[in-house]
Amino acid sequence: MSSICPKCGMPKELCVCEELDKQSTTKIKVYTTKAKFKKLVTIVEGIDPHQIDNTAKMLKQKLACGGTAKEGMIVLQGDHLKSIAKILMELGYPAESIEITKEA
């Protein structure tokens, strides 16, 4: 027996709540900054708080790097500006909501 989505009441196989949440995302801001010992880290802000842990896990797996999700942002070790937009689009985030800047 399939489980039921608590948001929409549809079976989990037919539920699209998660995809709709990703589509309604405001702006996702991606930038690099220097952390301890002058190491570069990539910061991703603007992900829905309910999906931030899962998104951080997927980004860390696909980029083969360490990182964490805290205080409403995802912090990834290393400079991943070139590849992160493509991966976010693969995860279902719309391209027009992703804003990439060099350094904040």
PDB file of N, CA and C in Angstrom:
ATOM      1  N   MET A   1       0.848  -1.183   0.000  1.00  0.00           N
ATOM      2  CA  MET A   1       0.000   0.000   0.000  1.00  0.00           C
ATOM      3  C   MET A   1       0.887   1.237   0.000  1.00  0.00           C
ATOM      4  N   SER A   2       0.612   2.177  -0.874  1.00  0.00           N
ATOM      5  CA  SER A   2       1.431   3.382  -0.977  1.00  0.00           C
ATOM      6  C   SER A   2       1.044   4.380   0.107  1.00  0.00           C
ATOM      7  N   SER A   3       2.002   5.191   0.485  1.00  0.00           N
ATOM      8  CA  SER A   3       1.745   6.186   1.519  1.00  0.00           C
ATOM      9  C   SER A   3       1.141   7.439   0.889  1.00  0.00           C
ATOM     10  N   ILE A   4       0.544   8.251   1.727  1.00  0.00           N
ATOM     11  CA  ILE A   4      -0.167   9.448   1.296  1.00  0.00           C
ATOM     12  C   ILE A   4       0.652  10.689   1.657  1.00  0.00           C
ATOM     13  N   CYS A   5       0.701  11.664   0.763  1.00  0.00           N
ATOM     14  CA  CYS A   5       1.395  12.927   1.015  1.00  0.00           C
ATOM     15  C   CYS A   5       0.594  13.745   2.036  1.00  0.00           C
ATOM     16  N   PRO A   6       1.250  14.242   3.089  1.00  0.00           N
ATOM     17  CA  PRO A   6       0.514  15.018   4.088  1.00  0.00           C
ATOM     18  C   PRO A   6       0.067  16.400   3.588  1.00  0.00           C
ATOM     19  N   LYS A   7       0.737  16.932   2.543  1.00  0.00           N
ATOM     20  CA  LYS A   7       0.370  18.257   2.030  1.00  0.00           C
ATOM     21  C   LYS A   7      -0.869  18.220   1.142  1.00  0.00           C
ATOM     22  N   CYS A   8      -0.843  17.322   0.128  1.00  0.00           N
ATOM     23  CA  CYS A   8      -1.906  17.350  -0.879  1.00  0.00           C
ATOM     24  C   CYS A   8      -2.885  16.185  -0.769  1.00  0.00           C
ATOM     25  N   GLY A   9      -2.536  15.143  -0.024  1.00  0.00           N
ATOM     26  CA  GLY A   9      -3.429  14.010   0.130  1.00  0.00           C
ATOM     27  C   GLY A   9      -3.367  13.008  -1.004  1.00  0.00           C
ATOM     28  N   MET A  10      -2.465  13.208  -1.953  1.00  0.00           N
ATOM     29  CA  MET A  10      -2.312  12.290  -3.080  1.00  0.00           C
ATOM     30  C   MET A  10      -1.340  11.166  -2.685  1.00  0.00           C
ATOM     31  N   PRO A  11      -1.387  10.038  -3.391  1.00  0.00           N
ATOM     32  CA  PRO A  11      -0.365   9.008  -3.153  1.00  0.00           C
ATOM     33  C   PRO A  11       1.022   9.553  -3.485  1.00  0.00           C
ATOM     34  N   LYS A  12       2.035   9.084  -2.787  1.00  0.00           N
ATOM     35  CA  LYS A  12       3.406   9.601  -2.961  1.00  0.00           C
ATOM     36  C   LYS A  12       3.884   9.513  -4.408  1.00  0.00           C
ATOM     37  N   GLU A  13       3.466   8.472  -5.153  1.00  0.00           N
ATOM     38  CA  GLU A  13       3.900   8.315  -6.548  1.00  0.00           C
ATOM     39  C   GLU A  13       3.358   9.432  -7.432  1.00  0.00           C
ATOM     40  N   LEU A  14       2.189   9.980  -7.101  1.00  0.00           N
ATOM     41  CA  LEU A  14       1.561  11.015  -7.920  1.00  0.00           C
ATOM     42  C   LEU A  14       1.798  12.421  -7.384  1.00  0.00           C
ATOM     43  N   CYS A  15       2.344  12.536  -6.193  1.00  0.00           N
ATOM     44  CA  CYS A  15       2.529  13.832  -5.537  1.00  0.00           C
ATOM     45  C   CYS A  15       3.601  14.652  -6.257  1.00  0.00           C
ATOM     46  N   VAL A  16       3.319  15.931  -6.459  1.00  0.00           N
ATOM     47  CA  VAL A  16       4.270  16.848  -7.082  1.00  0.00           C
ATOM     48  C   VAL A  16       4.564  18.041  -6.170  1.00  0.00           C
ATOM     49  N   CYS A  17       4.265  17.920  -4.903  1.00  0.00           N
ATOM     50  CA  CYS A  17       4.469  19.028  -3.959  1.00  0.00           C
ATOM     51  C   CYS A  17       5.928  19.474  -3.923  1.00  0.00           C
ATOM     52  N   GLU A  18       6.853  18.519  -3.913  1.00  0.00           N
ATOM     53  CA  GLU A  18       8.273  18.861  -3.831  1.00  0.00           C
ATOM     54  C   GLU A  18       8.716  19.634  -5.065  1.00  0.00           C
ATOM     55  N   GLU A  19       8.268  19.222  -6.244  1.00  0.00           N
ATOM     56  CA  GLU A  19       8.623  19.932  -7.471  1.00  0.00           C
ATOM     57  C   GLU A  19       8.020  21.330  -7.489  1.00  0.00           C
ATOM     58  N   LEU A  20       6.793  21.476  -6.993  1.00  0.00           N
ATOM     59  CA  LEU A  20       6.163  22.794  -6.948  1.00  0.00           C
ATOM     60  C   LEU A  20       6.883  23.705  -5.965  1.00  0.00           C
ATOM     61  N   ASP A  21       7.369  23.153  -4.851  1.00  0.00           N
ATOM     62  CA  ASP A  21       8.140  23.948  -3.896  1.00  0.00           C
ATOM     63  C   ASP A  21       9.409  24.468  -4.543  1.00  0.00           C
ATOM     64  N   LYS A  22      10.071  23.648  -5.352  1.00  0.00           N
ATOM     65  CA  LYS A  22      11.294  24.076  -6.032  1.00  0.00           C
ATOM     66  C   LYS A  22      10.996  25.160  -7.058  1.00  0.00           C
ATOM     67  N   GLN A  23       9.856  25.059  -7.738  1.00  0.00           N
ATOM     68  CA  GLN A  23       9.497  26.048  -8.753  1.00  0.00           C
ATOM     69  C   GLN A  23       9.164  27.403  -8.130  1.00  0.00           C
ATOM     70  N   SER A  24       8.659  27.397  -6.887  1.00  0.00           N
ATOM     71  CA  SER A  24       8.266  28.649  -6.252  1.00  0.00           C
ATOM     72  C   SER A  24       9.418  29.299  -5.486  1.00  0.00           C
ATOM     73  N   THR A  25      10.633  28.792  -5.640  1.00  0.00           N
ATOM     74  CA  THR A  25      11.793  29.357  -4.979  1.00  0.00           C
ATOM     75  C   THR A  25      12.031  30.769  -5.498  1.00  0.00           C
ATOM     76  N   THR A  26      12.381  31.674  -4.581  1.00  0.00           N
ATOM     77  CA  THR A  26      12.600  33.055  -4.990  1.00  0.00           C
ATOM     78  C   THR A  26      13.895  33.157  -5.797  1.00  0.00           C
ATOM     79  N   LYS A  27      14.969  33.580  -5.196  1.00  0.00           N
ATOM     80  CA  LYS A  27      16.263  33.681  -5.872  1.00  0.00           C
ATOM     81  C   LYS A  27      17.269  32.826  -5.130  1.00  0.00           C
ATOM     82  N   ILE A  28      18.015  32.050  -5.856  1.00  0.00           N
ATOM     83  CA  ILE A  28      19.100  31.261  -5.284  1.00  0.00           C
ATOM     84  C   ILE A  28      20.389  31.987  -5.601  1.00  0.00           C
ATOM     85  N   LYS A  29      21.075  32.434  -4.581  1.00  0.00           N
ATOM     86  CA  LYS A  29      22.314  33.192  -4.750  1.00  0.00           C
ATOM     87  C   LYS A  29      23.489  32.269  -4.473  1.00  0.00           C
ATOM     88  N   VAL A  30      24.417  32.175  -5.424  1.00  0.00           N
ATOM     89  CA  VAL A  30      25.600  31.324  -5.298  1.00  0.00           C
ATOM     90  C   VAL A  30      26.835  32.202  -5.445  1.00  0.00           C
ATOM     91  N   TYR A  31      27.749  32.110  -4.479  1.00  0.00           N
ATOM     92  CA  TYR A  31      28.977  32.897  -4.533  1.00  0.00           C
ATOM     93  C   TYR A  31      30.075  32.195  -3.747  1.00  0.00           C
ATOM     94  N   THR A  32      31.314  32.642  -3.947  1.00  0.00           N
ATOM     95  CA  THR A  32      32.443  32.101  -3.198  1.00  0.00           C
ATOM     96  C   THR A  32      32.942  33.161  -2.220  1.00  0.00           C
ATOM     97  N   THR A  33      33.534  32.680  -1.150  1.00  0.00           N
ATOM     98  CA  THR A  33      34.154  33.552  -0.171  1.00  0.00           C
ATOM     99  C   THR A  33      35.300  32.793   0.482  1.00  0.00           C
ATOM    100  N   LYS A  34      36.131  33.509   1.184  1.00  0.00           N
ATOM    101  CA  LYS A  34      37.255  32.864   1.853  1.00  0.00           C
ATOM    102  C   LYS A  34      36.878  32.539   3.290  1.00  0.00           C
ATOM    103  N   ALA A  35      37.216  31.334   3.708  1.00  0.00           N
ATOM    104  CA  ALA A  35      36.942  30.888   5.067  1.00  0.00           C
ATOM    105  C   ALA A  35      38.267  30.812   5.828  1.00  0.00           C
ATOM    106  N   LYS A  36      38.329  29.967   6.832  1.00  0.00           N
ATOM    107  CA  LYS A  36      39.548  29.825   7.619  1.00  0.00           C
ATOM    108  C   LYS A  36      40.740  29.457   6.742  1.00  0.00           C
ATOM    109  N   PHE A  37      41.885  29.951   7.119  1.00  0.00           N
ATOM    110  CA  PHE A  37      43.148  29.648   6.440  1.00  0.00           C
ATOM    111  C   PHE A  37      43.126  30.019   4.960  1.00  0.00           C
ATOM    112  N   LYS A  38      42.317  31.023   4.596  1.00  0.00           N
ATOM    113  CA  LYS A  38      42.214  31.549   3.233  1.00  0.00           C
ATOM    114  C   LYS A  38      41.770  30.503   2.205  1.00  0.00           C
ATOM    115  N   LYS A  39      40.976  29.544   2.654  1.00  0.00           N
ATOM    116  CA  LYS A  39      40.434  28.527   1.748  1.00  0.00           C
ATOM    117  C   LYS A  39      39.119  29.032   1.156  1.00  0.00           C
ATOM    118  N   LEU A  40      38.892  28.737  -0.127  1.00  0.00           N
ATOM    119  CA  LEU A  40      37.655  29.147  -0.779  1.00  0.00           C
ATOM    120  C   LEU A  40      36.520  28.183  -0.430  1.00  0.00           C
ATOM    121  N   VAL A  41      35.342  28.736  -0.166  1.00  0.00           N
ATOM    122  CA  VAL A  41      34.131  27.943   0.008  1.00  0.00           C
ATOM    123  C   VAL A  41      33.051  28.537  -0.887  1.00  0.00           C
ATOM    124  N   THR A  42      32.145  27.693  -1.345  1.00  0.00           N
ATOM    125  CA  THR A  42      31.024  28.118  -2.169  1.00  0.00           C
ATOM    126  C   THR A  42      29.783  28.169  -1.286  1.00  0.00           C
ATOM    127  N   ILE A  43      29.081  29.297  -1.313  1.00  0.00           N
ATOM    128  CA  ILE A  43      27.888  29.502  -0.502  1.00  0.00           C
ATOM    129  C   ILE A  43      26.668  29.492  -1.408  1.00  0.00           C
ATOM    130  N   VAL A  44      25.619  28.744  -1.013  1.00  0.00           N
ATOM    131  CA  VAL A  44      24.357  28.702  -1.740  1.00  0.00           C
ATOM    132  C   VAL A  44      23.275  29.187  -0.775  1.00  0.00           C
ATOM    133  N   GLU A  45      22.624  30.290  -1.104  1.00  0.00           N
ATOM    134  CA  GLU A  45      21.560  30.852  -0.271  1.00  0.00           C
ATOM    135  C   GLU A  45      20.259  30.882  -1.057  1.00  0.00           C
ATOM    136  N   GLY A  46      19.138  30.796  -0.347  1.00  0.00           N
ATOM    137  CA  GLY A  46      17.828  30.927  -0.982  1.00  0.00           C
ATOM    138  C   GLY A  46      17.105  29.619  -1.195  1.00  0.00           C
ATOM    139  N   ILE A  47      17.653  28.512  -0.714  1.00  0.00           N
ATOM    140  CA  ILE A  47      16.979  27.217  -0.825  1.00  0.00           C
ATOM    141  C   ILE A  47      15.910  27.136   0.269  1.00  0.00           C
ATOM    142  N   ASP A  48      14.774  26.539  -0.050  1.00  0.00           N
ATOM    143  CA  ASP A  48      13.686  26.369   0.909  1.00  0.00           C
ATOM    144  C   ASP A  48      14.184  25.619   2.147  1.00  0.00           C
ATOM    145  N   PRO A  49      13.903  26.111   3.360  1.00  0.00           N
ATOM    146  CA  PRO A  49      14.399  25.458   4.587  1.00  0.00           C
ATOM    147  C   PRO A  49      13.979  23.993   4.726  1.00  0.00           C
ATOM    148  N   HIS A  50      12.853  23.614   4.130  1.00  0.00           N
ATOM    149  CA  HIS A  50      12.409  22.225   4.219  1.00  0.00           C
ATOM    150  C   HIS A  50      13.226  21.300   3.321  1.00  0.00           C
ATOM    151  N   GLN A  51      13.889  21.848   2.302  1.00  0.00           N
ATOM    152  CA  GLN A  51      14.643  21.041   1.346  1.00  0.00           C
ATOM    153  C   GLN A  51      16.145  21.251   1.454  1.00  0.00           C
ATOM    154  N   ILE A  52      16.590  22.094   2.384  1.00  0.00           N
ATOM    155  CA  ILE A  52      18.000  22.474   2.417  1.00  0.00           C
ATOM    156  C   ILE A  52      18.911  21.287   2.733  1.00  0.00           C
ATOM    157  N   ASP A  53      18.497  20.411   3.651  1.00  0.00           N
ATOM    158  CA  ASP A  53      19.342  19.269   4.004  1.00  0.00           C
ATOM    159  C   ASP A  53      19.488  18.295   2.841  1.00  0.00           C
ATOM    160  N   ASN A  54      18.383  17.989   2.166  1.00  0.00           N
ATOM    161  CA  ASN A  54      18.426  17.069   1.036  1.00  0.00           C
ATOM    162  C   ASN A  54      19.222  17.665  -0.133  1.00  0.00           C
ATOM    163  N   THR A  55      19.026  18.956  -0.397  1.00  0.00           N
ATOM    164  CA  THR A  55      19.763  19.620  -1.477  1.00  0.00           C
ATOM    165  C   THR A  55      21.256  19.645  -1.172  1.00  0.00           C
ATOM    166  N   ALA A  56      21.619  19.925   0.088  1.00  0.00           N
ATOM    167  CA  ALA A  56      23.034  19.935   0.476  1.00  0.00           C
ATOM    168  C   ALA A  56      23.649  18.555   0.289  1.00  0.00           C
ATOM    169  N   LYS A  57      22.928  17.532   0.663  1.00  0.00           N
ATOM    170  CA  LYS A  57      23.430  16.159   0.516  1.00  0.00           C
ATOM    171  C   LYS A  57      23.683  15.822  -0.954  1.00  0.00           C
ATOM    172  N   MET A  58      22.727  16.192  -1.821  1.00  0.00           N
ATOM    173  CA  MET A  58      22.880  15.897  -3.247  1.00  0.00           C
ATOM    174  C   MET A  58      24.032  16.689  -3.858  1.00  0.00           C
ATOM    175  N   LEU A  59      24.182  17.969  -3.469  1.00  0.00           N
ATOM    176  CA  LEU A  59      25.281  18.777  -4.002  1.00  0.00           C
ATOM    177  C   LEU A  59      26.627  18.207  -3.573  1.00  0.00           C
ATOM    178  N   LYS A  60      26.753  17.795  -2.329  1.00  0.00           N
ATOM    179  CA  LYS A  60      28.011  17.235  -1.843  1.00  0.00           C
ATOM    180  C   LYS A  60      28.357  15.944  -2.575  1.00  0.00           C
ATOM    181  N   GLN A  61      27.347  15.126  -2.862  1.00  0.00           N
ATOM    182  CA  GLN A  61      27.597  13.871  -3.588  1.00  0.00           C
ATOM    183  C   GLN A  61      28.025  14.146  -5.022  1.00  0.00           C
ATOM    184  N   LYS A  62      27.311  15.028  -5.708  1.00  0.00           N
ATOM    185  CA  LYS A  62      27.603  15.278  -7.123  1.00  0.00           C
ATOM    186  C   LYS A  62      28.905  16.043  -7.333  1.00  0.00           C
ATOM    187  N   LEU A  63      29.267  16.911  -6.371  1.00  0.00           N
ATOM    188  CA  LEU A  63      30.502  17.688  -6.490  1.00  0.00           C
ATOM    189  C   LEU A  63      31.687  17.010  -5.818  1.00  0.00           C
ATOM    190  N   ALA A  64      31.446  15.914  -5.118  1.00  0.00           N
ATOM    191  CA  ALA A  64      32.499  15.167  -4.420  1.00  0.00           C
ATOM    192  C   ALA A  64      33.297  16.086  -3.492  1.00  0.00           C
ATOM    193  N   CYS A  65      32.571  16.777  -2.625  1.00  0.00           N
ATOM    194  CA  CYS A  65      33.226  17.693  -1.690  1.00  0.00           C
ATOM    195  C   CYS A  65      32.526  17.611  -0.338  1.00  0.00           C
ATOM    196  N   GLY A  66      33.143  18.214   0.638  1.00  0.00           N
ATOM    197  CA  GLY A  66      32.536  18.306   1.956  1.00  0.00           C
ATOM    198  C   GLY A  66      31.717  19.572   2.046  1.00  0.00           C
ATOM    199  N   GLY A  67      30.911  19.651   3.078  1.00  0.00           N
ATOM    200  CA  GLY A  67      30.123  20.854   3.265  1.00  0.00           C
ATOM    201  C   GLY A  67      29.090  20.663   4.348  1.00  0.00           C
ATOM    202  N   THR A  68      28.285  21.692   4.559  1.00  0.00           N
ATOM    203  CA  THR A  68      27.258  21.653   5.589  1.00  0.00           C
ATOM    204  C   THR A  68      26.093  22.560   5.200  1.00  0.00           C
ATOM    205  N   ALA A  69      24.960  22.329   5.833  1.00  0.00           N
ATOM    206  CA  ALA A  69      23.789  23.190   5.673  1.00  0.00           C
ATOM    207  C   ALA A  69      23.484  23.775   7.036  1.00  0.00           C
ATOM    208  N   LYS A  70      23.634  25.091   7.166  1.00  0.00           N
ATOM    209  CA  LYS A  70      23.348  25.726   8.446  1.00  0.00           C
ATOM    210  C   LYS A  70      22.893  27.161   8.231  1.00  0.00           C
ATOM    211  N   GLU A  71      22.060  27.648   9.144  1.00  0.00           N
ATOM    212  CA  GLU A  71      21.584  29.022   9.138  1.00  0.00           C
ATOM    213  C   GLU A  71      20.977  29.431   7.794  1.00  0.00           C
ATOM    214  N   GLY A  72      20.276  28.529   7.125  1.00  0.00           N
ATOM    215  CA  GLY A  72      19.607  28.853   5.877  1.00  0.00           C
ATOM    216  C   GLY A  72      20.497  28.905   4.654  1.00  0.00           C
ATOM    217  N   MET A  73      21.729  28.416   4.764  1.00  0.00           N
ATOM    218  CA  MET A  73      22.624  28.409   3.611  1.00  0.00           C
ATOM    219  C   MET A  73      23.379  27.090   3.555  1.00  0.00           C
ATOM    220  N   ILE A  74      23.878  26.784   2.370  1.00  0.00           N
ATOM    221  CA  ILE A  74      24.705  25.599   2.162  1.00  0.00           C
ATOM    222  C   ILE A  74      26.126  26.081   1.932  1.00  0.00           C
ATOM    223  N   VAL A  75      27.069  25.542   2.701  1.00  0.00           N
ATOM    224  CA  VAL A  75      28.479  25.898   2.580  1.00  0.00           C
ATOM    225  C   VAL A  75      29.209  24.674   2.039  1.00  0.00           C
ATOM    226  N   LEU A  76      29.809  24.805   0.851  1.00  0.00           N
ATOM    227  CA  LEU A  76      30.534  23.707   0.205  1.00  0.00           C
ATOM    228  C   LEU A  76      32.017  24.038   0.166  1.00  0.00           C
ATOM    229  N   GLN A  77      32.841  23.066   0.462  1.00  0.00           N
ATOM    230  CA  GLN A  77      34.283  23.280   0.438  1.00  0.00           C
ATOM    231  C   GLN A  77      34.780  23.338  -1.002  1.00  0.00           C
ATOM    232  N   GLY A  78      35.509  24.401  -1.332  1.00  0.00           N
ATOM    233  CA  GLY A  78      36.080  24.546  -2.665  1.00  0.00           C
ATOM    234  C   GLY A  78      35.301  25.521  -3.538  1.00  0.00           C
ATOM    235  N   ASP A  79      35.843  25.789  -4.714  1.00  0.00           N
ATOM    236  CA  ASP A  79      35.239  26.697  -5.683  1.00  0.00           C
ATOM    237  C   ASP A  79      34.472  25.874  -6.714  1.00  0.00           C
ATOM    238  N   HIS A  80      33.133  25.936  -6.677  1.00  0.00           N
ATOM    239  CA  HIS A  80      32.299  25.127  -7.565  1.00  0.00           C
ATOM    240  C   HIS A  80      31.355  25.982  -8.407  1.00  0.00           C
ATOM    241  N   LEU A  81      31.717  27.236  -8.662  1.00  0.00           N
ATOM    242  CA  LEU A  81      30.829  28.137  -9.403  1.00  0.00           C
ATOM    243  C   LEU A  81      30.546  27.663 -10.823  1.00  0.00           C
ATOM    244  N   LYS A  82      31.522  27.015 -11.451  1.00  0.00           N
ATOM    245  CA  LYS A  82      31.359  26.616 -12.852  1.00  0.00           C
ATOM    246  C   LYS A  82      30.338  25.497 -13.026  1.00  0.00           C
ATOM    247  N   SER A  83      30.219  24.611 -12.044  1.00  0.00           N
ATOM    248  CA  SER A  83      29.374  23.432 -12.227  1.00  0.00           C
ATOM    249  C   SER A  83      28.100  23.427 -11.393  1.00  0.00           C
ATOM    250  N   ILE A  84      27.955  24.347 -10.462  1.00  0.00           N
ATOM    251  CA  ILE A  84      26.828  24.255  -9.538  1.00  0.00           C
ATOM    252  C   ILE A  84      25.490  24.600 -10.185  1.00  0.00           C
ATOM    253  N   ALA A  85      25.463  25.498 -11.150  1.00  0.00           N
ATOM    254  CA  ALA A  85      24.208  25.873 -11.800  1.00  0.00           C
ATOM    255  C   ALA A  85      23.599  24.678 -12.530  1.00  0.00           C
ATOM    256  N   LYS A  86      24.411  23.935 -13.234  1.00  0.00           N
ATOM    257  CA  LYS A  86      23.931  22.758 -13.964  1.00  0.00           C
ATOM    258  C   LYS A  86      23.355  21.726 -12.995  1.00  0.00           C
ATOM    259  N   ILE A  87      24.029  21.521 -11.879  1.00  0.00           N
ATOM    260  CA  ILE A  87      23.571  20.532 -10.900  1.00  0.00           C
ATOM    261  C   ILE A  87      22.267  20.985 -10.245  1.00  0.00           C
ATOM    262  N   LEU A  88      22.154  22.267  -9.924  1.00  0.00           N
ATOM    263  CA  LEU A  88      20.906  22.771  -9.340  1.00  0.00           C
ATOM    264  C   LEU A  88      19.739  22.614 -10.314  1.00  0.00           C
ATOM    265  N   MET A  89      19.994  22.819 -11.606  1.00  0.00           N
ATOM    266  CA  MET A  89      18.939  22.630 -12.604  1.00  0.00           C
ATOM    267  C   MET A  89      18.555  21.156 -12.709  1.00  0.00           C
ATOM    268  N   GLU A  90      19.525  20.243 -12.590  1.00  0.00           N
ATOM    269  CA  GLU A  90      19.227  18.809 -12.592  1.00  0.00           C
ATOM    270  C   GLU A  90      18.365  18.427 -11.398  1.00  0.00           C
ATOM    271  N   LEU A  91      18.536  19.137 -10.280  1.00  0.00           N
ATOM    272  CA  LEU A  91      17.753  18.860  -9.078  1.00  0.00           C
ATOM    273  C   LEU A  91      16.359  19.462  -9.136  1.00  0.00           C
ATOM    274  N   GLY A  92      16.056  20.235 -10.196  1.00  0.00           N
ATOM    275  CA  GLY A  92      14.709  20.738 -10.398  1.00  0.00           C
ATOM    276  C   GLY A  92      14.521  22.217 -10.142  1.00  0.00           C
ATOM    277  N   TYR A  93      15.582  22.945  -9.864  1.00  0.00           N
ATOM    278  CA  TYR A  93      15.461  24.382  -9.645  1.00  0.00           C
ATOM    279  C   TYR A  93      15.498  25.100 -10.988  1.00  0.00           C
ATOM    280  N   PRO A  94      14.624  26.100 -11.209  1.00  0.00           N
ATOM    281  CA  PRO A  94      14.589  26.795 -12.497  1.00  0.00           C
ATOM    282  C   PRO A  94      15.837  27.640 -12.726  1.00  0.00           C
ATOM    283  N   ALA A  95      16.307  27.674 -13.956  1.00  0.00           N
ATOM    284  CA  ALA A  95      17.545  28.381 -14.309  1.00  0.00           C
ATOM    285  C   ALA A  95      17.437  29.875 -14.056  1.00  0.00           C
ATOM    286  N   GLU A  96      16.271  30.449 -14.275  1.00  0.00           N
ATOM    287  CA  GLU A  96      16.136  31.890 -14.100  1.00  0.00           C
ATOM    288  C   GLU A  96      16.182  32.329 -12.635  1.00  0.00           C
ATOM    289  N   SER A  97      16.072  31.397 -11.697  1.00  0.00           N
ATOM    290  CA  SER A  97      16.137  31.768 -10.278  1.00  0.00           C
ATOM    291  C   SER A  97      17.539  31.623  -9.700  1.00  0.00           C
ATOM    292  N   ILE A  98      18.504  31.135 -10.485  1.00  0.00           N
ATOM    293  CA  ILE A  98      19.867  30.920  -9.999  1.00  0.00           C
ATOM    294  C   ILE A  98      20.733  32.117 -10.395  1.00  0.00           C
ATOM    295  N   GLU A  99      21.307  32.764  -9.395  1.00  0.00           N
ATOM    296  CA  GLU A  99      22.170  33.932  -9.615  1.00  0.00           C
ATOM    297  C   GLU A  99      23.570  33.595  -9.105  1.00  0.00           C
ATOM    298  N   ILE A 100      24.555  33.629  -9.997  1.00  0.00           N
ATOM    299  CA  ILE A 100      25.917  33.288  -9.626  1.00  0.00           C
ATOM    300  C   ILE A 100      26.782  34.551  -9.696  1.00  0.00           C
ATOM    301  N   THR A 101      27.465  34.852  -8.583  1.00  0.00           N
ATOM    302  CA  THR A 101      28.379  35.987  -8.530  1.00  0.00           C
ATOM    303  C   THR A 101      29.760  35.477  -8.118  1.00  0.00           C
ATOM    304  N   LYS A 102      30.778  36.224  -8.463  1.00  0.00           N
ATOM    305  CA  LYS A 102      32.150  35.784  -8.190  1.00  0.00           C
ATOM    306  C   LYS A 102      32.464  35.707  -6.699  1.00  0.00           C
ATOM    307  N   GLU A 103      32.400  36.830  -6.005  1.00  0.00           N
ATOM    308  CA  GLU A 103      32.767  36.828  -4.591  1.00  0.00           C
ATOM    309  C   GLU A 103      31.946  37.884  -3.868  1.00  0.00           C
ATOM    310  N   ALA A 104      31.490  37.523  -2.679  1.00  0.00           N
ATOM    311  CA  ALA A 104      30.676  38.465  -1.905  1.00  0.00           C
ATOM    312  C   ALA A 104      31.463  39.030  -0.749  1.00  0.00           C
TER     313      ALA A 104
END
